[in-house]
């Protein structure tokens, strides 16, 4: 079995004790981003499991889109990433 060498760790332990690994990241072909996948990617970038640049390229995301995910996650947690609750969490 071949394991690709990367400059990033294969797994990281989060402050709550959970462990996320490269294998936990969403598939590259994902087109439907639910809140749990968004939160996982934000955590992976924050805890340096994957670089921000690699995440944007791999998932074809714009910087503005990813920045909005990060801001919503920081302010409201995973619930803030739900599209159906946009009016509640993102008031002008």
C-alpha atoms as a PDB file:
ATOM      1  CA  UNK A   1       0.000   0.000   0.000  1.00  0.00           C
ATOM      2  CA  UNK A   2       1.308   3.415  -0.952  1.00  0.00           C
ATOM      3  CA  UNK A   3       0.911   6.303   1.488  1.00  0.00           C
ATOM      4  CA  UNK A   4       1.358   9.776   0.033  1.00  0.00           C
ATOM      5  CA  UNK A   5       3.926  11.848   1.890  1.00  0.00           C
ATOM      6  CA  UNK A   6       2.623  15.255   2.933  1.00  0.00           C
ATOM      7  CA  UNK A   7       3.929  18.115   4.991  1.00  0.00           C
ATOM      8  CA  UNK A   8       0.774  18.035   7.117  1.00  0.00           C
ATOM      9  CA  UNK A   9      -0.119  15.478   9.794  1.00  0.00           C
ATOM     10  CA  UNK A  10      -2.312  12.504   8.915  1.00  0.00           C
ATOM     11  CA  UNK A  11      -4.509  13.107  11.969  1.00  0.00           C
ATOM     12  CA  UNK A  12      -5.027  15.801  14.590  1.00  0.00           C
ATOM     13  CA  UNK A  13      -6.601  15.711  18.020  1.00  0.00           C
ATOM     14  CA  UNK A  14      -9.117  18.468  18.716  1.00  0.00           C
ATOM     15  CA  UNK A  15      -9.487  20.149  22.132  1.00  0.00           C
ATOM     16  CA  UNK A  16     -12.684  18.167  22.792  1.00  0.00           C
ATOM     17  CA  UNK A  17     -10.727  14.917  22.392  1.00  0.00           C
ATOM     18  CA  UNK A  18     -12.023  13.887  18.971  1.00  0.00           C
ATOM     19  CA  UNK A  19      -9.545  12.945  16.292  1.00  0.00           C
ATOM     20  CA  UNK A  20      -9.929  13.881  12.640  1.00  0.00           C
ATOM     21  CA  UNK A  21      -7.763  12.431   9.913  1.00  0.00           C
ATOM     22  CA  UNK A  22      -7.160  12.958   6.223  1.00  0.00           C
ATOM     23  CA  UNK A  23      -9.573  10.091   5.583  1.00  0.00           C
ATOM     24  CA  UNK A  24     -12.368  11.967   7.386  1.00  0.00           C
ATOM     25  CA  UNK A  25     -12.239  14.886   4.961  1.00  0.00           C
ATOM     26  CA  UNK A  26     -15.069  15.093   2.419  1.00  0.00           C
ATOM     27  CA  UNK A  27     -14.582  13.629  -1.052  1.00  0.00           C
ATOM     28  CA  UNK A  28     -13.132  16.029  -3.612  1.00  0.00           C
ATOM     29  CA  UNK A  29     -16.171  15.629  -5.866  1.00  0.00           C
ATOM     30  CA  UNK A  30     -18.602  16.891  -3.226  1.00  0.00           C
ATOM     31  CA  UNK A  31     -21.088  19.451  -4.524  1.00  0.00           C
ATOM     32  CA  UNK A  32     -23.645  19.520  -1.707  1.00  0.00           C
ATOM     33  CA  UNK A  33     -22.151  21.163   1.352  1.00  0.00           C
ATOM     34  CA  UNK A  34     -24.119  20.404   4.500  1.00  0.00           C
ATOM     35  CA  UNK A  35     -23.256  22.073   7.809  1.00  0.00           C
ATOM     36  CA  UNK A  36     -21.356  19.067   9.164  1.00  0.00           C
ATOM     37  CA  UNK A  37     -19.042  18.933   6.136  1.00  0.00           C
ATOM     38  CA  UNK A  38     -18.440  22.672   6.269  1.00  0.00           C
ATOM     39  CA  UNK A  39     -17.610  22.454   9.981  1.00  0.00           C
ATOM     40  CA  UNK A  40     -15.249  19.532   9.404  1.00  0.00           C
ATOM     41  CA  UNK A  41     -13.347  21.424   6.717  1.00  0.00           C
ATOM     42  CA  UNK A  42     -13.130  24.592   8.830  1.00  0.00           C
ATOM     43  CA  UNK A  43     -11.767  22.554  11.764  1.00  0.00           C
ATOM     44  CA  UNK A  44      -9.302  20.745   9.500  1.00  0.00           C
ATOM     45  CA  UNK A  45      -7.887  24.027   8.230  1.00  0.00           C
ATOM     46  CA  UNK A  46      -7.847  25.646  11.687  1.00  0.00           C
ATOM     47  CA  UNK A  47      -5.995  22.721  13.275  1.00  0.00           C
ATOM     48  CA  UNK A  48      -3.656  22.458  10.255  1.00  0.00           C
ATOM     49  CA  UNK A  49      -4.722  19.057   8.994  1.00  0.00           C
ATOM     50  CA  UNK A  50      -4.879  20.635   5.533  1.00  0.00           C
ATOM     51  CA  UNK A  51      -3.663  24.010   4.356  1.00  0.00           C
ATOM     52  CA  UNK A  52      -6.155  26.701   3.467  1.00  0.00           C
ATOM     53  CA  UNK A  53      -4.794  26.918  -0.087  1.00  0.00           C
ATOM     54  CA  UNK A  54      -5.085  23.156  -0.568  1.00  0.00           C
ATOM     55  CA  UNK A  55      -8.644  23.169   0.776  1.00  0.00           C
ATOM     56  CA  UNK A  56      -9.718  25.961  -1.559  1.00  0.00           C
ATOM     57  CA  UNK A  57      -8.162  24.217  -4.562  1.00  0.00           C
ATOM     58  CA  UNK A  58      -9.319  20.701  -3.690  1.00  0.00           C
ATOM     59  CA  UNK A  59     -12.948  21.686  -3.135  1.00  0.00           C
ATOM     60  CA  UNK A  60     -13.071  24.546  -5.686  1.00  0.00           C
ATOM     61  CA  UNK A  61     -14.128  27.125  -3.091  1.00  0.00           C
ATOM     62  CA  UNK A  62     -13.709  30.884  -3.269  1.00  0.00           C
ATOM     63  CA  UNK A  63     -11.900  32.708  -0.501  1.00  0.00           C
ATOM     64  CA  UNK A  64     -15.027  34.716   0.307  1.00  0.00           C
ATOM     65  CA  UNK A  65     -17.153  31.589   0.645  1.00  0.00           C
ATOM     66  CA  UNK A  66     -14.671  29.865   2.931  1.00  0.00           C
ATOM     67  CA  UNK A  67     -14.163  33.036   4.985  1.00  0.00           C
ATOM     68  CA  UNK A  68     -17.924  33.281   5.519  1.00  0.00           C
ATOM     69  CA  UNK A  69     -17.969  29.661   6.732  1.00  0.00           C
ATOM     70  CA  UNK A  70     -15.134  30.407   9.161  1.00  0.00           C
ATOM     71  CA  UNK A  71     -16.823  33.535  10.511  1.00  0.00           C
ATOM     72  CA  UNK A  72     -20.181  31.785  10.942  1.00  0.00           C
ATOM     73  CA  UNK A  73     -18.541  28.793  12.627  1.00  0.00           C
ATOM     74  CA  UNK A  74     -16.558  31.022  14.988  1.00  0.00           C
ATOM     75  CA  UNK A  75     -19.612  33.037  15.963  1.00  0.00           C
ATOM     76  CA  UNK A  76     -22.390  30.416  16.047  1.00  0.00           C
ATOM     77  CA  UNK A  77     -20.757  26.997  15.778  1.00  0.00           C
ATOM     78  CA  UNK A  78     -21.981  24.312  13.415  1.00  0.00           C
ATOM     79  CA  UNK A  79     -25.570  25.581  13.606  1.00  0.00           C
ATOM     80  CA  UNK A  80     -24.463  28.856  12.001  1.00  0.00           C
ATOM     81  CA  UNK A  81     -23.431  26.973   8.874  1.00  0.00           C
ATOM     82  CA  UNK A  82     -26.950  25.718   8.159  1.00  0.00           C
ATOM     83  CA  UNK A  83     -28.421  27.344   5.075  1.00  0.00           C
ATOM     84  CA  UNK A  84     -31.983  26.979   6.356  1.00  0.00           C
ATOM     85  CA  UNK A  85     -31.183  29.135   9.394  1.00  0.00           C
ATOM     86  CA  UNK A  86     -29.545  32.001   7.496  1.00  0.00           C
ATOM     87  CA  UNK A  87     -32.131  34.569   8.592  1.00  0.00           C
ATOM     88  CA  UNK A  88     -31.654  33.710  12.253  1.00  0.00           C
ATOM     89  CA  UNK A  89     -27.863  33.729  12.367  1.00  0.00           C
ATOM     90  CA  UNK A  90     -26.989  36.339   9.755  1.00  0.00           C
ATOM     91  CA  UNK A  91     -29.084  39.375  10.466  1.00  0.00           C
ATOM     92  CA  UNK A  92     -28.039  42.699   8.901  1.00  0.00           C
END
